[in-house]
Amino acid sequence: MGHYSNQGGVWNTVARLHQELNIISPTSALSAAYEAYEQEIEEFRKDITYVEGATGLAIALDGRVRSLDLFGTAQTCSRLWPRLVAGLSLEALRKTSSPTKATVEDVLQYWTDVTQWPWEAVTTVGEGQEYRAESQRGDQGSALFYDGKVVYLSAVSRQ
């Protein structure tokens, strides 16, 4: 629930991604995956364009909401949109395609679930108030508020 780094876990995740996408990288850098699939990622970016005024993005794969990112302003969301879609692209490329689609109701239900998680205040590194949560099934969330308003909220489904 605090700030910590599991660098070994990060490297294991990147190695698994490289294996699943058949990427050979002498440095095992995550950027190698983005470079290897640059064209496919660009296609995703063309298909999933920012919607004017949007302040968040829900990502669903195989009919299940996998993540939810919310920002305090549309300007911040629009600026980070390409990065969010790039991450989604790599995740989608490593999954086998399923005809099952998530619905708006699925996203709303996931949001309702997120609001019911046991959110706990944690020590903030910088300014604002930070909260962390973990659902009963292992989904994780973090949120940063400043002056009573959300700056960023992220909820990630346990894969």
N, C-alpha and C. Protein backbone atom coordinates (compact mmCIF):
# COMPACT_ATOMS: atom_id res chain seq x y z
N MET A 1 0.83 -1.20 0.00
CA MET A 1 0.00 0.00 0.00
C MET A 1 0.86 1.26 0.00
N GLY A 2 2.15 1.11 0.11
CA GLY A 2 3.04 2.27 0.09
C GLY A 2 3.82 2.32 -1.20
N HIS A 3 4.93 3.02 -1.17
CA HIS A 3 5.79 3.13 -2.33
C HIS A 3 6.94 2.14 -2.22
N TYR A 4 7.04 1.27 -3.18
CA TYR A 4 8.13 0.32 -3.21
C TYR A 4 8.35 -0.10 -4.66
N SER A 5 9.48 -0.67 -4.92
CA SER A 5 9.80 -1.09 -6.27
C SER A 5 10.23 -2.55 -6.24
N ASN A 6 9.67 -3.32 -7.11
CA ASN A 6 10.07 -4.70 -7.28
C ASN A 6 10.71 -4.80 -8.65
N GLN A 7 11.96 -4.37 -8.76
CA GLN A 7 12.62 -4.31 -10.06
C GLN A 7 12.71 -5.68 -10.71
N GLY A 8 12.91 -6.73 -9.89
CA GLY A 8 12.95 -8.08 -10.45
C GLY A 8 11.62 -8.45 -11.10
N GLY A 9 10.52 -8.07 -10.45
CA GLY A 9 9.19 -8.32 -11.02
C GLY A 9 8.98 -7.57 -12.31
N VAL A 10 9.48 -6.35 -12.37
CA VAL A 10 9.37 -5.54 -13.60
C VAL A 10 10.12 -6.24 -14.73
N TRP A 11 11.36 -6.66 -14.46
CA TRP A 11 12.14 -7.32 -15.51
C TRP A 11 11.48 -8.64 -15.94
N ASN A 12 10.89 -9.38 -15.01
CA ASN A 12 10.20 -10.62 -15.35
C ASN A 12 9.00 -10.34 -16.26
N THR A 13 8.27 -9.28 -15.96
CA THR A 13 7.11 -8.92 -16.78
C THR A 13 7.54 -8.54 -18.19
N VAL A 14 8.62 -7.75 -18.30
CA VAL A 14 9.12 -7.35 -19.61
C VAL A 14 9.63 -8.58 -20.37
N ALA A 15 10.31 -9.48 -19.69
CA ALA A 15 10.81 -10.70 -20.33
C ALA A 15 9.65 -11.55 -20.86
N ARG A 16 8.58 -11.65 -20.07
CA ARG A 16 7.40 -12.42 -20.49
C ARG A 16 6.76 -11.77 -21.73
N LEU A 17 6.67 -10.44 -21.73
CA LEU A 17 6.13 -9.71 -22.88
C LEU A 17 6.97 -9.98 -24.11
N HIS A 18 8.30 -9.89 -23.98
CA HIS A 18 9.19 -10.15 -25.11
C HIS A 18 9.00 -11.57 -25.64
N GLN A 19 8.87 -12.53 -24.73
CA GLN A 19 8.68 -13.92 -25.15
C GLN A 19 7.36 -14.08 -25.91
N GLU A 20 6.29 -13.52 -25.36
CA GLU A 20 4.97 -13.67 -25.98
C GLU A 20 4.90 -12.98 -27.34
N LEU A 21 5.66 -11.90 -27.53
CA LEU A 21 5.63 -11.16 -28.80
C LEU A 21 6.82 -11.49 -29.70
N ASN A 22 7.60 -12.52 -29.32
CA ASN A 22 8.76 -12.96 -30.10
C ASN A 22 9.74 -11.82 -30.38
N ILE A 23 10.09 -11.11 -29.33
CA ILE A 23 11.02 -9.99 -29.45
C ILE A 23 12.37 -10.41 -28.88
N ILE A 24 13.41 -10.11 -29.63
CA ILE A 24 14.76 -10.37 -29.15
C ILE A 24 15.40 -9.01 -28.91
N SER A 25 15.81 -8.79 -27.67
CA SER A 25 16.41 -7.52 -27.30
C SER A 25 17.63 -7.79 -26.42
N PRO A 26 18.81 -7.37 -26.86
CA PRO A 26 20.00 -7.61 -26.05
C PRO A 26 19.96 -6.92 -24.69
N THR A 27 19.21 -5.83 -24.60
CA THR A 27 19.13 -5.09 -23.33
C THR A 27 17.87 -5.42 -22.54
N SER A 28 16.97 -6.20 -23.12
CA SER A 28 15.68 -6.53 -22.49
C SER A 28 14.86 -5.29 -22.16
N ALA A 29 15.04 -4.25 -22.92
CA ALA A 29 14.32 -3.00 -22.67
C ALA A 29 12.89 -3.08 -23.17
N LEU A 30 11.98 -2.49 -22.41
CA LEU A 30 10.58 -2.43 -22.83
C LEU A 30 10.43 -1.67 -24.14
N SER A 31 11.28 -0.68 -24.35
CA SER A 31 11.21 0.12 -25.58
C SER A 31 11.39 -0.75 -26.83
N ALA A 32 12.07 -1.90 -26.71
CA ALA A 32 12.23 -2.80 -27.85
C ALA A 32 10.89 -3.31 -28.34
N ALA A 33 9.95 -3.54 -27.43
CA ALA A 33 8.62 -4.00 -27.81
C ALA A 33 7.88 -2.90 -28.58
N TYR A 34 8.00 -1.67 -28.09
CA TYR A 34 7.35 -0.55 -28.79
C TYR A 34 7.96 -0.35 -30.17
N GLU A 35 9.27 -0.49 -30.27
CA GLU A 35 9.94 -0.33 -31.57
C GLU A 35 9.56 -1.46 -32.52
N ALA A 36 9.53 -2.69 -32.04
CA ALA A 36 9.22 -3.84 -32.89
C ALA A 36 7.80 -3.80 -33.44
N TYR A 37 6.89 -3.21 -32.67
CA TYR A 37 5.49 -3.17 -33.08
C TYR A 37 4.99 -1.75 -33.35
N GLU A 38 5.91 -0.90 -33.77
CA GLU A 38 5.59 0.51 -34.01
C GLU A 38 4.43 0.68 -34.99
N GLN A 39 4.43 -0.07 -36.05
CA GLN A 39 3.39 0.04 -37.07
C GLN A 39 2.02 -0.39 -36.51
N GLU A 40 1.99 -1.49 -35.79
CA GLU A 40 0.73 -1.97 -35.20
C GLU A 40 0.20 -0.99 -34.17
N ILE A 41 1.11 -0.43 -33.37
CA ILE A 41 0.70 0.55 -32.37
C ILE A 41 0.11 1.78 -33.05
N GLU A 42 0.71 2.19 -34.15
CA GLU A 42 0.20 3.35 -34.88
C GLU A 42 -1.21 3.07 -35.43
N GLU A 43 -1.48 1.84 -35.84
CA GLU A 43 -2.81 1.47 -36.30
C GLU A 43 -3.83 1.57 -35.15
N PHE A 44 -3.44 1.10 -33.97
CA PHE A 44 -4.32 1.24 -32.81
C PHE A 44 -4.60 2.71 -32.54
N ARG A 45 -3.57 3.55 -32.62
CA ARG A 45 -3.74 4.98 -32.35
C ARG A 45 -4.72 5.61 -33.35
N LYS A 46 -4.70 5.15 -34.59
CA LYS A 46 -5.64 5.67 -35.59
C LYS A 46 -7.07 5.24 -35.26
N ASP A 47 -7.21 4.01 -34.76
CA ASP A 47 -8.53 3.46 -34.46
C ASP A 47 -9.11 3.96 -33.13
N ILE A 48 -8.22 4.30 -32.19
CA ILE A 48 -8.68 4.71 -30.86
C ILE A 48 -8.21 6.14 -30.62
N THR A 49 -8.92 7.06 -31.23
CA THR A 49 -8.54 8.47 -31.13
C THR A 49 -9.17 9.11 -29.91
N TYR A 50 -8.52 10.13 -29.44
CA TYR A 50 -9.01 10.87 -28.28
C TYR A 50 -10.36 11.51 -28.62
N VAL A 51 -11.29 11.42 -27.69
CA VAL A 51 -12.60 12.05 -27.83
C VAL A 51 -12.54 13.38 -27.09
N GLU A 52 -12.80 14.45 -27.80
CA GLU A 52 -12.72 15.79 -27.21
C GLU A 52 -13.49 15.87 -25.89
N GLY A 53 -12.80 16.35 -24.86
CA GLY A 53 -13.42 16.50 -23.55
C GLY A 53 -13.31 15.29 -22.64
N ALA A 54 -12.80 14.17 -23.16
CA ALA A 54 -12.68 12.95 -22.34
C ALA A 54 -11.67 13.16 -21.23
N THR A 55 -11.97 12.61 -20.07
CA THR A 55 -11.06 12.70 -18.93
C THR A 55 -10.59 11.32 -18.47
N GLY A 56 -10.83 10.31 -19.29
CA GLY A 56 -10.39 8.98 -18.90
C GLY A 56 -10.52 7.97 -20.01
N LEU A 57 -10.00 6.78 -19.74
CA LEU A 57 -10.03 5.70 -20.71
C LEU A 57 -10.19 4.38 -19.96
N ALA A 58 -11.15 3.60 -20.36
CA ALA A 58 -11.33 2.25 -19.84
C ALA A 58 -10.86 1.29 -20.92
N ILE A 59 -10.08 0.32 -20.53
CA ILE A 59 -9.55 -0.66 -21.48
C ILE A 59 -10.14 -2.02 -21.15
N ALA A 60 -10.71 -2.65 -22.16
CA ALA A 60 -11.30 -3.98 -22.00
C ALA A 60 -10.69 -4.91 -23.04
N LEU A 61 -10.36 -6.10 -22.61
CA LEU A 61 -9.88 -7.14 -23.51
C LEU A 61 -10.65 -8.41 -23.20
N ASP A 62 -11.00 -9.14 -24.23
CA ASP A 62 -11.73 -10.39 -24.07
C ASP A 62 -13.02 -10.20 -23.26
N GLY A 63 -13.67 -9.07 -23.46
CA GLY A 63 -14.95 -8.82 -22.81
C GLY A 63 -14.87 -8.43 -21.35
N ARG A 64 -13.67 -8.16 -20.85
CA ARG A 64 -13.49 -7.82 -19.44
C ARG A 64 -12.70 -6.52 -19.30
N VAL A 65 -13.18 -5.64 -18.45
CA VAL A 65 -12.47 -4.39 -18.21
C VAL A 65 -11.17 -4.72 -17.50
N ARG A 66 -10.06 -4.26 -18.08
CA ARG A 66 -8.74 -4.58 -17.54
C ARG A 66 -8.12 -3.39 -16.80
N SER A 67 -8.48 -2.17 -17.22
CA SER A 67 -7.94 -1.00 -16.53
C SER A 67 -8.84 0.21 -16.76
N LEU A 68 -8.67 1.14 -15.85
CA LEU A 68 -9.43 2.38 -15.90
C LEU A 68 -8.49 3.49 -15.46
N ASP A 69 -8.32 4.50 -16.29
CA ASP A 69 -7.49 5.64 -15.97
C ASP A 69 -8.36 6.89 -16.04
N LEU A 70 -8.35 7.67 -14.97
CA LEU A 70 -9.12 8.91 -14.92
C LEU A 70 -8.19 10.06 -14.57
N PHE A 71 -8.39 11.20 -15.21
CA PHE A 71 -7.56 12.37 -14.99
C PHE A 71 -8.43 13.53 -14.53
N GLY A 72 -7.80 14.47 -13.84
CA GLY A 72 -8.52 15.62 -13.33
C GLY A 72 -8.96 16.59 -14.40
N THR A 73 -8.29 16.57 -15.55
CA THR A 73 -8.66 17.49 -16.64
C THR A 73 -8.61 16.76 -17.98
N ALA A 74 -9.38 17.27 -18.92
CA ALA A 74 -9.36 16.74 -20.28
C ALA A 74 -8.01 17.01 -20.93
N GLN A 75 -7.39 18.13 -20.59
CA GLN A 75 -6.10 18.48 -21.16
C GLN A 75 -5.04 17.43 -20.81
N THR A 76 -5.00 17.01 -19.57
CA THR A 76 -4.05 15.98 -19.14
C THR A 76 -4.35 14.66 -19.85
N CYS A 77 -5.62 14.30 -19.92
CA CYS A 77 -6.01 13.05 -20.58
C CYS A 77 -5.59 13.07 -22.05
N SER A 78 -5.85 14.17 -22.74
CA SER A 78 -5.51 14.24 -24.17
C SER A 78 -4.01 14.14 -24.38
N ARG A 79 -3.23 14.73 -23.47
CA ARG A 79 -1.78 14.70 -23.59
C ARG A 79 -1.23 13.28 -23.39
N LEU A 80 -1.85 12.51 -22.48
CA LEU A 80 -1.36 11.17 -22.17
C LEU A 80 -2.03 10.07 -22.99
N TRP A 81 -3.07 10.41 -23.73
CA TRP A 81 -3.83 9.45 -24.53
C TRP A 81 -2.94 8.55 -25.40
N PRO A 82 -2.00 9.11 -26.16
CA PRO A 82 -1.17 8.24 -27.02
C PRO A 82 -0.40 7.18 -26.23
N ARG A 83 0.08 7.52 -25.04
CA ARG A 83 0.79 6.55 -24.22
C ARG A 83 -0.16 5.45 -23.72
N LEU A 84 -1.37 5.86 -23.31
CA LEU A 84 -2.34 4.88 -22.85
C LEU A 84 -2.68 3.89 -23.96
N VAL A 85 -2.89 4.41 -25.16
CA VAL A 85 -3.24 3.55 -26.29
C VAL A 85 -2.06 2.66 -26.68
N ALA A 86 -0.84 3.17 -26.59
CA ALA A 86 0.34 2.35 -26.90
C ALA A 86 0.42 1.16 -25.94
N GLY A 87 0.21 1.41 -24.65
CA GLY A 87 0.22 0.32 -23.68
C GLY A 87 -0.88 -0.68 -23.94
N LEU A 88 -2.06 -0.18 -24.27
CA LEU A 88 -3.18 -1.04 -24.63
C LEU A 88 -2.82 -1.90 -25.84
N SER A 89 -2.16 -1.30 -26.81
CA SER A 89 -1.81 -2.01 -28.04
C SER A 89 -0.94 -3.22 -27.75
N LEU A 90 0.09 -3.02 -26.94
CA LEU A 90 0.97 -4.16 -26.63
C LEU A 90 0.21 -5.25 -25.89
N GLU A 91 -0.64 -4.84 -24.98
CA GLU A 91 -1.44 -5.83 -24.23
C GLU A 91 -2.36 -6.59 -25.18
N ALA A 92 -2.99 -5.88 -26.10
CA ALA A 92 -3.90 -6.53 -27.05
C ALA A 92 -3.15 -7.46 -28.00
N LEU A 93 -1.94 -7.08 -28.39
CA LEU A 93 -1.16 -7.90 -29.30
C LEU A 93 -0.73 -9.22 -28.67
N ARG A 94 -0.59 -9.26 -27.36
CA ARG A 94 -0.15 -10.49 -26.71
C ARG A 94 -1.30 -11.40 -26.35
N LYS A 95 -2.52 -10.95 -26.48
CA LYS A 95 -3.69 -11.77 -26.16
C LYS A 95 -4.24 -12.39 -27.43
N THR A 96 -4.83 -13.57 -27.29
CA THR A 96 -5.54 -14.14 -28.42
C THR A 96 -6.87 -13.42 -28.54
N SER A 97 -7.27 -13.17 -29.74
CA SER A 97 -8.49 -12.41 -29.99
C SER A 97 -9.72 -13.19 -29.56
N SER A 98 -10.65 -12.48 -28.97
CA SER A 98 -11.90 -13.08 -28.53
C SER A 98 -13.05 -12.26 -29.09
N PRO A 99 -14.11 -12.91 -29.52
CA PRO A 99 -15.25 -12.14 -30.04
C PRO A 99 -16.06 -11.44 -28.95
N THR A 100 -15.78 -11.76 -27.68
CA THR A 100 -16.52 -11.16 -26.58
C THR A 100 -16.13 -9.70 -26.42
N LYS A 101 -17.11 -8.84 -26.37
CA LYS A 101 -16.88 -7.40 -26.23
C LYS A 101 -17.44 -6.93 -24.90
N ALA A 102 -16.73 -5.98 -24.29
CA ALA A 102 -17.25 -5.35 -23.08
C ALA A 102 -18.27 -4.30 -23.49
N THR A 103 -19.21 -4.04 -22.62
CA THR A 103 -20.24 -3.05 -22.88
C THR A 103 -20.04 -1.83 -21.98
N VAL A 104 -20.78 -0.79 -22.25
CA VAL A 104 -20.76 0.39 -21.38
C VAL A 104 -21.17 -0.02 -19.97
N GLU A 105 -22.12 -0.92 -19.86
CA GLU A 105 -22.56 -1.40 -18.55
C GLU A 105 -21.43 -2.10 -17.81
N ASP A 106 -20.58 -2.84 -18.53
CA ASP A 106 -19.43 -3.50 -17.91
C ASP A 106 -18.47 -2.46 -17.33
N VAL A 107 -18.23 -1.39 -18.06
CA VAL A 107 -17.34 -0.32 -17.59
C VAL A 107 -17.95 0.36 -16.37
N LEU A 108 -19.24 0.65 -16.43
CA LEU A 108 -19.91 1.29 -15.29
C LEU A 108 -19.89 0.39 -14.06
N GLN A 109 -20.05 -0.92 -14.27
CA GLN A 109 -20.00 -1.85 -13.15
C GLN A 109 -18.60 -1.89 -12.55
N TYR A 110 -17.58 -1.88 -13.41
CA TYR A 110 -16.20 -1.88 -12.91
C TYR A 110 -15.95 -0.61 -12.09
N TRP A 111 -16.42 0.53 -12.59
CA TRP A 111 -16.27 1.79 -11.85
C TRP A 111 -16.98 1.70 -10.49
N THR A 112 -18.18 1.15 -10.48
CA THR A 112 -18.90 0.98 -9.22
C THR A 112 -18.10 0.10 -8.26
N ASP A 113 -17.53 -0.98 -8.79
CA ASP A 113 -16.69 -1.85 -7.96
C ASP A 113 -15.50 -1.09 -7.39
N VAL A 114 -14.83 -0.30 -8.24
CA VAL A 114 -13.66 0.47 -7.82
C VAL A 114 -14.01 1.41 -6.67
N THR A 115 -15.17 2.03 -6.75
CA THR A 115 -15.56 2.97 -5.69
C THR A 115 -15.84 2.25 -4.37
N GLN A 116 -16.07 0.94 -4.41
CA GLN A 116 -16.35 0.16 -3.20
C GLN A 116 -15.10 -0.51 -2.62
N TRP A 117 -13.97 -0.42 -3.29
CA TRP A 117 -12.75 -1.01 -2.77
C TRP A 117 -12.38 -0.34 -1.45
N PRO A 118 -11.59 -1.03 -0.61
CA PRO A 118 -11.17 -0.44 0.67
C PRO A 118 -9.99 0.53 0.48
N TRP A 119 -10.28 1.75 0.08
CA TRP A 119 -9.25 2.76 -0.17
C TRP A 119 -8.63 3.21 1.15
N GLU A 120 -7.31 3.28 1.18
CA GLU A 120 -6.58 3.72 2.37
C GLU A 120 -5.61 4.83 1.99
N ALA A 121 -5.53 5.84 2.85
CA ALA A 121 -4.57 6.92 2.65
C ALA A 121 -3.16 6.39 2.87
N VAL A 122 -2.23 6.82 2.02
CA VAL A 122 -0.82 6.46 2.17
C VAL A 122 -0.01 7.75 2.18
N THR A 123 1.21 7.65 2.64
CA THR A 123 2.08 8.82 2.67
C THR A 123 2.37 9.27 1.25
N THR A 124 2.14 10.53 0.99
CA THR A 124 2.35 11.09 -0.33
C THR A 124 3.80 11.53 -0.50
N VAL A 125 4.38 11.22 -1.64
CA VAL A 125 5.75 11.62 -1.92
C VAL A 125 5.81 13.13 -2.12
N GLY A 126 4.86 13.67 -2.85
CA GLY A 126 4.81 15.11 -3.13
C GLY A 126 3.60 15.73 -2.47
N GLU A 127 2.97 16.62 -3.18
CA GLU A 127 1.79 17.30 -2.64
C GLU A 127 0.54 16.48 -2.90
N GLY A 128 -0.52 16.82 -2.21
CA GLY A 128 -1.80 16.17 -2.40
C GLY A 128 -2.01 15.02 -1.43
N GLN A 129 -3.10 14.30 -1.66
CA GLN A 129 -3.46 13.15 -0.84
C GLN A 129 -3.48 11.93 -1.76
N GLU A 130 -2.80 10.88 -1.32
CA GLU A 130 -2.71 9.68 -2.12
C GLU A 130 -3.43 8.53 -1.42
N TYR A 131 -4.07 7.70 -2.22
CA TYR A 131 -4.82 6.56 -1.71
C TYR A 131 -4.46 5.33 -2.53
N ARG A 132 -4.50 4.17 -1.88
CA ARG A 132 -4.28 2.89 -2.54
C ARG A 132 -5.38 1.94 -2.12
N ALA A 133 -5.66 0.98 -3.00
CA ALA A 133 -6.68 -0.03 -2.69
C ALA A 133 -6.35 -1.33 -3.40
N GLU A 134 -6.86 -2.40 -2.82
CA GLU A 134 -6.79 -3.71 -3.47
C GLU A 134 -8.13 -4.39 -3.26
N SER A 135 -8.72 -4.86 -4.36
CA SER A 135 -10.02 -5.52 -4.26
C SER A 135 -9.84 -6.93 -3.71
N GLN A 136 -10.95 -7.58 -3.40
CA GLN A 136 -10.90 -8.96 -2.89
C GLN A 136 -10.30 -9.92 -3.90
N ARG A 137 -10.47 -9.63 -5.19
CA ARG A 137 -9.93 -10.55 -6.19
C ARG A 137 -8.52 -10.16 -6.65
N GLY A 138 -7.96 -9.09 -6.06
CA GLY A 138 -6.58 -8.72 -6.35
C GLY A 138 -6.39 -7.56 -7.29
N ASP A 139 -7.47 -6.93 -7.76
CA ASP A 139 -7.33 -5.73 -8.57
C ASP A 139 -6.70 -4.65 -7.70
N GLN A 140 -5.96 -3.73 -8.32
CA GLN A 140 -5.28 -2.70 -7.54
C GLN A 140 -5.59 -1.32 -8.08
N GLY A 141 -5.62 -0.36 -7.16
CA GLY A 141 -5.89 1.00 -7.56
C GLY A 141 -5.04 1.99 -6.80
N SER A 142 -4.81 3.12 -7.43
CA SER A 142 -4.14 4.22 -6.75
C SER A 142 -4.79 5.51 -7.23
N ALA A 143 -4.80 6.50 -6.36
CA ALA A 143 -5.44 7.76 -6.70
C ALA A 143 -4.68 8.89 -6.02
N LEU A 144 -4.57 9.99 -6.73
CA LEU A 144 -3.96 11.20 -6.18
C LEU A 144 -4.97 12.33 -6.27
N PHE A 145 -5.20 12.96 -5.14
CA PHE A 145 -6.11 14.11 -5.07
C PHE A 145 -5.30 15.33 -4.64
N TYR A 146 -5.70 16.47 -5.13
CA TYR A 146 -5.10 17.73 -4.69
C TYR A 146 -6.23 18.73 -4.49
N ASP A 147 -6.24 19.33 -3.33
CA ASP A 147 -7.26 20.33 -3.01
C ASP A 147 -8.68 19.74 -3.17
N GLY A 148 -8.82 18.46 -2.80
CA GLY A 148 -10.12 17.81 -2.84
C GLY A 148 -10.57 17.34 -4.22
N LYS A 149 -9.71 17.46 -5.23
CA LYS A 149 -10.08 17.07 -6.60
C LYS A 149 -9.12 16.00 -7.11
N VAL A 150 -9.67 15.09 -7.89
CA VAL A 150 -8.84 14.01 -8.44
C VAL A 150 -7.84 14.59 -9.44
N VAL A 151 -6.59 14.18 -9.30
CA VAL A 151 -5.55 14.50 -10.27
C VAL A 151 -5.41 13.31 -11.21
N TYR A 152 -5.35 12.12 -10.61
CA TYR A 152 -5.21 10.90 -11.39
C TYR A 152 -5.70 9.72 -10.58
N LEU A 153 -6.43 8.83 -11.21
CA LEU A 153 -6.87 7.59 -10.59
C LEU A 153 -6.62 6.47 -11.58
N SER A 154 -6.05 5.40 -11.08
CA SER A 154 -5.78 4.24 -11.92
C SER A 154 -6.27 2.99 -11.22
N ALA A 155 -6.99 2.17 -11.93
CA ALA A 155 -7.45 0.88 -11.43
C ALA A 155 -7.07 -0.17 -12.45
N VAL A 156 -6.43 -1.23 -11.98
CA VAL A 156 -5.93 -2.27 -12.89
C VAL A 156 -6.44 -3.62 -12.42
N SER A 157 -7.04 -4.34 -13.33
CA SER A 157 -7.59 -5.66 -13.04
C SER A 157 -6.46 -6.68 -12.92
N ARG A 158 -6.63 -7.58 -12.01
CA ARG A 158 -5.65 -8.67 -11.91
C ARG A 158 -5.81 -9.55 -13.14
N GLN A 159 -4.74 -9.78 -13.81
CA GLN A 159 -4.78 -10.56 -15.04
C GLN A 159 -4.97 -11.98 -14.68
